Amino acid sequence: MDGLPWKAGCHMEIIGYCVLLAGLVAVVLATLTLRSLRARLSEVAADTDEVAGRVHALPPDLVDYLGEGDRLVLTAELLNPVELAAEKTWVAKPMSAITPNLLRELVYKQAVTQVHKQLAQSNIEADVRVHRGR
């Protein structure tokens, strides 16, 4: 071993750097693939929404819920979810800038609970749910 120009631990360092480089390449390739898939998903979602809009289709969860009968459904859309959340906590405004969808989901869950309680107090039996529209 005296004739080798490298020190004894140098082989392991080279292997470590190669593994590190391979890992970085894998992360970059995975990131590029993920971006590509997200872009494609956005295109497909836009196409689906366009077609559904043309045929006036309901979202799938509502079709499953309503079925083919002649049921009547009362709907409500919260037009000010950020303001409603801001009334409860100061964190809502900054959160709406970072994660608006999460904030909206939290507000809707709270609204479902409140509406269900208020209807029950009036002896109204109701199935209160959140459905995602198009």
N, C-alpha and C. Protein backbone atom coordinates (compact mmCIF):
# COMPACT_ATOMS: atom_id res chain seq x y z
N MET A 1 0.81 -1.19 0.00
CA MET A 1 0.00 0.00 0.00
C MET A 1 0.85 1.26 0.00
N ASP A 2 2.13 1.12 0.28
CA ASP A 2 2.99 2.29 0.32
C ASP A 2 3.15 2.91 -1.06
N GLY A 3 2.97 2.11 -2.11
CA GLY A 3 3.16 2.61 -3.46
C GLY A 3 1.97 3.39 -3.99
N LEU A 4 0.80 3.33 -3.31
CA LEU A 4 -0.40 4.04 -3.77
C LEU A 4 -0.33 5.51 -3.38
N PRO A 5 -0.71 6.41 -4.30
CA PRO A 5 -0.64 7.84 -3.98
C PRO A 5 -1.75 8.28 -3.02
N TRP A 6 -2.80 7.48 -2.84
CA TRP A 6 -3.91 7.89 -1.98
C TRP A 6 -3.75 7.34 -0.58
N LYS A 7 -4.33 8.02 0.33
CA LYS A 7 -4.34 7.55 1.71
C LYS A 7 -5.39 6.45 1.85
N ALA A 8 -5.36 5.74 2.91
CA ALA A 8 -6.22 4.58 3.10
C ALA A 8 -7.72 4.93 3.06
N GLY A 9 -8.17 6.03 3.63
CA GLY A 9 -9.58 6.39 3.68
C GLY A 9 -10.08 7.11 2.46
N CYS A 10 -9.24 7.38 1.51
CA CYS A 10 -9.60 8.16 0.33
C CYS A 10 -10.60 7.44 -0.55
N HIS A 11 -10.50 6.11 -0.64
CA HIS A 11 -11.45 5.36 -1.47
C HIS A 11 -12.88 5.54 -0.97
N MET A 12 -13.06 5.53 0.31
CA MET A 12 -14.39 5.70 0.88
C MET A 12 -14.93 7.10 0.62
N GLU A 13 -14.07 8.10 0.65
CA GLU A 13 -14.50 9.46 0.35
C GLU A 13 -14.99 9.56 -1.08
N ILE A 14 -14.28 8.97 -2.01
CA ILE A 14 -14.67 9.00 -3.42
C ILE A 14 -16.02 8.31 -3.60
N ILE A 15 -16.19 7.16 -2.96
CA ILE A 15 -17.47 6.45 -3.04
C ILE A 15 -18.58 7.31 -2.44
N GLY A 16 -18.30 7.95 -1.32
CA GLY A 16 -19.29 8.83 -0.68
C GLY A 16 -19.70 9.98 -1.58
N TYR A 17 -18.73 10.61 -2.24
CA TYR A 17 -19.04 11.71 -3.16
C TYR A 17 -19.84 11.21 -4.35
N CYS A 18 -19.53 10.03 -4.85
CA CYS A 18 -20.29 9.47 -5.98
C CYS A 18 -21.74 9.21 -5.57
N VAL A 19 -21.92 8.65 -4.39
CA VAL A 19 -23.29 8.40 -3.90
C VAL A 19 -24.03 9.72 -3.71
N LEU A 20 -23.35 10.71 -3.17
CA LEU A 20 -23.96 12.02 -2.98
C LEU A 20 -24.36 12.63 -4.31
N LEU A 21 -23.48 12.55 -5.29
CA LEU A 21 -23.77 13.08 -6.62
C LEU A 21 -24.96 12.35 -7.25
N ALA A 22 -24.98 11.04 -7.11
CA ALA A 22 -26.11 10.26 -7.67
C ALA A 22 -27.41 10.67 -6.98
N GLY A 23 -27.38 10.90 -5.68
CA GLY A 23 -28.57 11.33 -4.96
C GLY A 23 -29.05 12.69 -5.42
N LEU A 24 -28.13 13.61 -5.63
CA LEU A 24 -28.50 14.94 -6.12
C LEU A 24 -29.12 14.87 -7.52
N VAL A 25 -28.54 14.05 -8.37
CA VAL A 25 -29.10 13.87 -9.73
C VAL A 25 -30.50 13.29 -9.63
N ALA A 26 -30.70 12.32 -8.74
CA ALA A 26 -32.03 11.73 -8.57
C ALA A 26 -33.04 12.76 -8.08
N VAL A 27 -32.63 13.62 -7.17
CA VAL A 27 -33.54 14.66 -6.65
C VAL A 27 -33.90 15.65 -7.76
N VAL A 28 -32.93 16.04 -8.56
CA VAL A 28 -33.20 16.97 -9.66
C VAL A 28 -34.14 16.34 -10.67
N LEU A 29 -33.90 15.08 -11.03
CA LEU A 29 -34.78 14.40 -11.99
C LEU A 29 -36.19 14.23 -11.42
N ALA A 30 -36.29 13.90 -10.14
CA ALA A 30 -37.61 13.76 -9.52
C ALA A 30 -38.35 15.09 -9.50
N THR A 31 -37.64 16.17 -9.22
CA THR A 31 -38.25 17.50 -9.20
C THR A 31 -38.75 17.89 -10.59
N LEU A 32 -37.95 17.65 -11.60
CA LEU A 32 -38.37 17.96 -12.97
C LEU A 32 -39.57 17.12 -13.38
N THR A 33 -39.56 15.85 -13.02
CA THR A 33 -40.70 14.98 -13.34
C THR A 33 -41.95 15.45 -12.62
N LEU A 34 -41.82 15.82 -11.35
CA LEU A 34 -42.97 16.29 -10.59
C LEU A 34 -43.55 17.57 -11.20
N ARG A 35 -42.69 18.48 -11.60
CA ARG A 35 -43.18 19.72 -12.25
C ARG A 35 -43.92 19.40 -13.54
N SER A 36 -43.38 18.49 -14.30
CA SER A 36 -44.02 18.09 -15.55
C SER A 36 -45.39 17.48 -15.29
N LEU A 37 -45.46 16.60 -14.30
CA LEU A 37 -46.74 15.96 -13.97
C LEU A 37 -47.75 16.97 -13.45
N ARG A 38 -47.30 17.92 -12.64
CA ARG A 38 -48.22 18.95 -12.15
C ARG A 38 -48.75 19.80 -13.29
N ALA A 39 -47.90 20.14 -14.24
CA ALA A 39 -48.34 20.94 -15.39
C ALA A 39 -49.37 20.16 -16.19
N ARG A 40 -49.11 18.88 -16.40
CA ARG A 40 -50.05 18.03 -17.15
C ARG A 40 -51.37 17.90 -16.41
N LEU A 41 -51.29 17.74 -15.08
CA LEU A 41 -52.50 17.64 -14.27
C LEU A 41 -53.33 18.92 -14.37
N SER A 42 -52.68 20.06 -14.37
CA SER A 42 -53.40 21.33 -14.52
C SER A 42 -54.09 21.41 -15.87
N GLU A 43 -53.40 20.95 -16.92
CA GLU A 43 -54.01 20.95 -18.26
C GLU A 43 -55.24 20.05 -18.30
N VAL A 44 -55.12 18.86 -17.74
CA VAL A 44 -56.23 17.92 -17.75
C VAL A 44 -57.39 18.45 -16.91
N ALA A 45 -57.09 19.04 -15.77
CA ALA A 45 -58.15 19.60 -14.93
C ALA A 45 -58.87 20.74 -15.64
N ALA A 46 -58.13 21.58 -16.34
CA ALA A 46 -58.75 22.68 -17.09
C ALA A 46 -59.63 22.13 -18.21
N ASP A 47 -59.15 21.11 -18.91
CA ASP A 47 -59.95 20.49 -19.97
C ASP A 47 -61.22 19.87 -19.39
N THR A 48 -61.09 19.20 -18.26
CA THR A 48 -62.25 18.57 -17.62
C THR A 48 -63.27 19.62 -17.19
N ASP A 49 -62.79 20.68 -16.59
CA ASP A 49 -63.70 21.75 -16.17
C ASP A 49 -64.41 22.38 -17.35
N GLU A 50 -63.68 22.55 -18.45
CA GLU A 50 -64.30 23.13 -19.64
C GLU A 50 -65.41 22.24 -20.18
N VAL A 51 -65.16 20.97 -20.28
CA VAL A 51 -66.17 20.03 -20.77
C VAL A 51 -67.34 19.96 -19.81
N ALA A 52 -67.07 19.89 -18.51
CA ALA A 52 -68.14 19.83 -17.52
C ALA A 52 -68.99 21.10 -17.55
N GLY A 53 -68.36 22.23 -17.78
CA GLY A 53 -69.10 23.48 -17.88
C GLY A 53 -70.03 23.50 -19.08
N ARG A 54 -69.55 22.91 -20.18
CA ARG A 54 -70.38 22.88 -21.39
C ARG A 54 -71.62 22.01 -21.22
N VAL A 55 -71.50 20.93 -20.45
CA VAL A 55 -72.65 20.04 -20.28
C VAL A 55 -73.36 20.28 -18.95
N HIS A 56 -72.94 21.32 -18.22
CA HIS A 56 -73.54 21.67 -16.93
C HIS A 56 -73.51 20.49 -15.96
N ALA A 57 -72.40 19.82 -15.89
CA ALA A 57 -72.26 18.65 -15.03
C ALA A 57 -71.99 19.06 -13.59
N LEU A 58 -72.53 18.28 -12.68
CA LEU A 58 -72.27 18.48 -11.27
C LEU A 58 -70.95 17.81 -10.91
N PRO A 59 -70.30 18.26 -9.86
CA PRO A 59 -69.10 17.56 -9.39
C PRO A 59 -69.45 16.11 -9.03
N PRO A 60 -68.50 15.20 -9.19
CA PRO A 60 -68.78 13.77 -8.96
C PRO A 60 -69.35 13.47 -7.57
N ASP A 61 -68.86 14.14 -6.53
CA ASP A 61 -69.38 13.82 -5.20
C ASP A 61 -70.84 14.21 -5.07
N LEU A 62 -71.27 15.27 -5.76
CA LEU A 62 -72.69 15.64 -5.72
C LEU A 62 -73.55 14.67 -6.53
N VAL A 63 -73.02 14.20 -7.65
CA VAL A 63 -73.76 13.21 -8.44
C VAL A 63 -73.98 11.96 -7.61
N ASP A 64 -72.94 11.51 -6.91
CA ASP A 64 -73.08 10.33 -6.05
C ASP A 64 -74.09 10.58 -4.95
N TYR A 65 -74.07 11.77 -4.39
CA TYR A 65 -74.95 12.11 -3.27
C TYR A 65 -76.40 12.27 -3.71
N LEU A 66 -76.61 12.97 -4.80
CA LEU A 66 -77.97 13.27 -5.25
C LEU A 66 -78.62 12.11 -5.99
N GLY A 67 -77.83 11.35 -6.72
CA GLY A 67 -78.39 10.26 -7.49
C GLY A 67 -79.21 10.78 -8.66
N GLU A 68 -80.16 9.97 -9.09
CA GLU A 68 -80.97 10.29 -10.26
C GLU A 68 -82.37 10.79 -9.90
N GLY A 69 -82.67 10.90 -8.63
CA GLY A 69 -84.02 11.26 -8.20
C GLY A 69 -84.32 12.74 -8.37
N ASP A 70 -85.44 13.14 -7.78
CA ASP A 70 -85.88 14.53 -7.87
C ASP A 70 -85.70 15.24 -6.54
N ARG A 71 -84.60 14.97 -5.86
CA ARG A 71 -84.34 15.58 -4.56
C ARG A 71 -84.07 17.07 -4.74
N LEU A 72 -84.45 17.81 -3.73
CA LEU A 72 -84.14 19.24 -3.68
C LEU A 72 -82.99 19.43 -2.70
N VAL A 73 -82.08 20.28 -3.06
CA VAL A 73 -80.91 20.52 -2.22
C VAL A 73 -80.73 22.01 -2.04
N LEU A 74 -80.49 22.40 -0.81
CA LEU A 74 -80.21 23.79 -0.49
C LEU A 74 -78.69 23.95 -0.46
N THR A 75 -78.16 24.92 -1.18
CA THR A 75 -76.71 25.12 -1.19
C THR A 75 -76.37 26.48 -0.62
N ALA A 76 -75.17 26.57 -0.11
CA ALA A 76 -74.67 27.84 0.40
C ALA A 76 -73.18 27.92 0.09
N GLU A 77 -72.75 29.07 -0.38
CA GLU A 77 -71.33 29.30 -0.64
C GLU A 77 -70.88 30.42 0.28
N LEU A 78 -69.80 30.18 1.00
CA LEU A 78 -69.27 31.23 1.87
C LEU A 78 -68.47 32.19 1.00
N LEU A 79 -68.89 33.42 0.97
CA LEU A 79 -68.26 34.42 0.11
C LEU A 79 -67.12 35.17 0.81
N ASN A 80 -67.03 35.02 2.12
CA ASN A 80 -66.00 35.75 2.85
C ASN A 80 -65.26 34.86 3.85
N PRO A 81 -64.68 33.74 3.42
CA PRO A 81 -64.05 32.84 4.39
C PRO A 81 -62.86 33.46 5.12
N VAL A 82 -62.09 34.30 4.45
CA VAL A 82 -60.92 34.91 5.11
C VAL A 82 -61.39 35.86 6.22
N GLU A 83 -62.42 36.64 5.94
CA GLU A 83 -62.93 37.56 6.94
C GLU A 83 -63.52 36.81 8.14
N LEU A 84 -64.22 35.72 7.86
CA LEU A 84 -64.78 34.91 8.95
C LEU A 84 -63.66 34.35 9.83
N ALA A 85 -62.61 33.86 9.20
CA ALA A 85 -61.48 33.33 9.97
C ALA A 85 -60.77 34.43 10.74
N ALA A 86 -60.65 35.60 10.13
CA ALA A 86 -59.96 36.72 10.78
C ALA A 86 -60.71 37.18 12.03
N GLU A 87 -62.02 36.98 12.06
CA GLU A 87 -62.79 37.33 13.27
C GLU A 87 -62.44 36.43 14.44
N LYS A 88 -61.99 35.21 14.14
CA LYS A 88 -61.67 34.24 15.19
C LYS A 88 -60.22 34.32 15.66
N THR A 89 -59.30 34.63 14.73
CA THR A 89 -57.89 34.62 15.09
C THR A 89 -57.09 35.55 14.20
N TRP A 90 -56.04 36.13 14.75
CA TRP A 90 -55.18 37.04 13.99
C TRP A 90 -54.32 36.29 12.98
N VAL A 91 -54.17 34.99 13.13
CA VAL A 91 -53.32 34.19 12.26
C VAL A 91 -53.95 34.01 10.87
N ALA A 92 -55.24 34.26 10.76
CA ALA A 92 -55.97 33.97 9.52
C ALA A 92 -55.44 34.76 8.32
N LYS A 93 -55.22 36.04 8.49
CA LYS A 93 -54.74 36.86 7.35
C LYS A 93 -53.41 36.35 6.81
N PRO A 94 -52.38 36.19 7.66
CA PRO A 94 -51.12 35.66 7.13
C PRO A 94 -51.27 34.25 6.55
N MET A 95 -52.12 33.44 7.19
CA MET A 95 -52.34 32.07 6.71
C MET A 95 -53.01 32.07 5.35
N SER A 96 -53.88 33.03 5.10
CA SER A 96 -54.58 33.08 3.81
C SER A 96 -53.62 33.39 2.67
N ALA A 97 -52.54 34.08 2.98
CA ALA A 97 -51.54 34.37 1.95
C ALA A 97 -50.67 33.15 1.66
N ILE A 98 -50.44 32.33 2.68
CA ILE A 98 -49.57 31.17 2.52
C ILE A 98 -50.33 29.94 2.07
N THR A 99 -51.43 29.63 2.74
CA THR A 99 -52.20 28.43 2.42
C THR A 99 -53.69 28.77 2.35
N PRO A 100 -54.12 29.43 1.28
CA PRO A 100 -55.53 29.84 1.21
C PRO A 100 -56.50 28.65 1.17
N ASN A 101 -56.12 27.56 0.50
CA ASN A 101 -57.03 26.41 0.43
C ASN A 101 -57.23 25.77 1.79
N LEU A 102 -56.16 25.65 2.56
CA LEU A 102 -56.27 25.07 3.90
C LEU A 102 -57.16 25.94 4.78
N LEU A 103 -56.97 27.25 4.72
CA LEU A 103 -57.80 28.16 5.51
C LEU A 103 -59.27 28.03 5.11
N ARG A 104 -59.53 27.98 3.82
CA ARG A 104 -60.90 27.84 3.33
C ARG A 104 -61.53 26.54 3.84
N GLU A 105 -60.76 25.44 3.81
CA GLU A 105 -61.29 24.15 4.30
C GLU A 105 -61.60 24.22 5.79
N LEU A 106 -60.73 24.87 6.56
CA LEU A 106 -60.99 25.00 8.00
C LEU A 106 -62.25 25.81 8.27
N VAL A 107 -62.42 26.89 7.54
CA VAL A 107 -63.60 27.73 7.72
C VAL A 107 -64.87 26.96 7.35
N TYR A 108 -64.82 26.22 6.26
CA TYR A 108 -65.99 25.44 5.84
C TYR A 108 -66.34 24.36 6.85
N LYS A 109 -65.32 23.70 7.42
CA LYS A 109 -65.59 22.67 8.45
C LYS A 109 -66.27 23.30 9.65
N GLN A 110 -65.80 24.46 10.06
CA GLN A 110 -66.42 25.16 11.18
C GLN A 110 -67.85 25.58 10.84
N ALA A 111 -68.06 26.03 9.62
CA ALA A 111 -69.40 26.44 9.20
C ALA A 111 -70.36 25.25 9.19
N VAL A 112 -69.89 24.10 8.75
CA VAL A 112 -70.73 22.89 8.75
C VAL A 112 -71.19 22.58 10.17
N THR A 113 -70.26 22.66 11.10
CA THR A 113 -70.59 22.39 12.50
C THR A 113 -71.63 23.38 13.02
N GLN A 114 -71.43 24.66 12.74
CA GLN A 114 -72.36 25.69 13.22
C GLN A 114 -73.74 25.55 12.58
N VAL A 115 -73.78 25.32 11.27
CA VAL A 115 -75.07 25.19 10.59
C VAL A 115 -75.81 23.97 11.10
N HIS A 116 -75.11 22.88 11.28
CA HIS A 116 -75.75 21.66 11.77
C HIS A 116 -76.35 21.89 13.15
N LYS A 117 -75.61 22.56 14.05
CA LYS A 117 -76.12 22.84 15.40
C LYS A 117 -77.34 23.75 15.34
N GLN A 118 -77.29 24.79 14.52
CA GLN A 118 -78.41 25.74 14.45
C GLN A 118 -79.65 25.07 13.87
N LEU A 119 -79.48 24.22 12.87
CA LEU A 119 -80.63 23.52 12.30
C LEU A 119 -81.23 22.55 13.32
N ALA A 120 -80.36 21.86 14.04
CA ALA A 120 -80.84 20.92 15.06
C ALA A 120 -81.62 21.65 16.15
N GLN A 121 -81.20 22.86 16.52
CA GLN A 121 -81.92 23.65 17.53
C GLN A 121 -83.32 24.01 17.05
N SER A 122 -83.49 24.07 15.73
CA SER A 122 -84.81 24.39 15.16
C SER A 122 -85.56 23.12 14.77
N ASN A 123 -85.10 21.97 15.24
CA ASN A 123 -85.71 20.68 14.94
C ASN A 123 -85.74 20.37 13.44
N ILE A 124 -84.72 20.82 12.74
CA ILE A 124 -84.60 20.53 11.32
C ILE A 124 -83.53 19.45 11.16
N GLU A 125 -83.95 18.31 10.60
CA GLU A 125 -83.00 17.25 10.33
C GLU A 125 -82.35 17.52 8.99
N ALA A 126 -81.04 17.62 8.99
CA ALA A 126 -80.33 17.95 7.75
C ALA A 126 -78.99 17.22 7.71
N ASP A 127 -78.60 16.90 6.50
CA ASP A 127 -77.28 16.34 6.26
C ASP A 127 -76.43 17.49 5.71
N VAL A 128 -75.60 18.05 6.55
CA VAL A 128 -74.81 19.21 6.18
C VAL A 128 -73.42 18.73 5.77
N ARG A 129 -73.03 19.02 4.53
CA ARG A 129 -71.74 18.57 4.00
C ARG A 129 -71.08 19.68 3.20
N VAL A 130 -69.82 19.47 2.95
CA VAL A 130 -69.07 20.36 2.06
C VAL A 130 -68.81 19.58 0.77
N HIS A 131 -69.14 20.19 -0.34
CA HIS A 131 -68.89 19.59 -1.66
C HIS A 131 -67.97 20.54 -2.42
N ARG A 132 -67.04 19.96 -3.11
CA ARG A 132 -66.09 20.76 -3.90
C ARG A 132 -66.68 20.99 -5.29
N GLY A 133 -66.91 22.25 -5.63
CA GLY A 133 -67.47 22.60 -6.92
C GLY A 133 -66.40 22.68 -7.99
N ARG A 134 -66.83 22.96 -9.18
CA ARG A 134 -65.90 23.08 -10.31
C ARG A 134 -65.50 24.52 -10.48
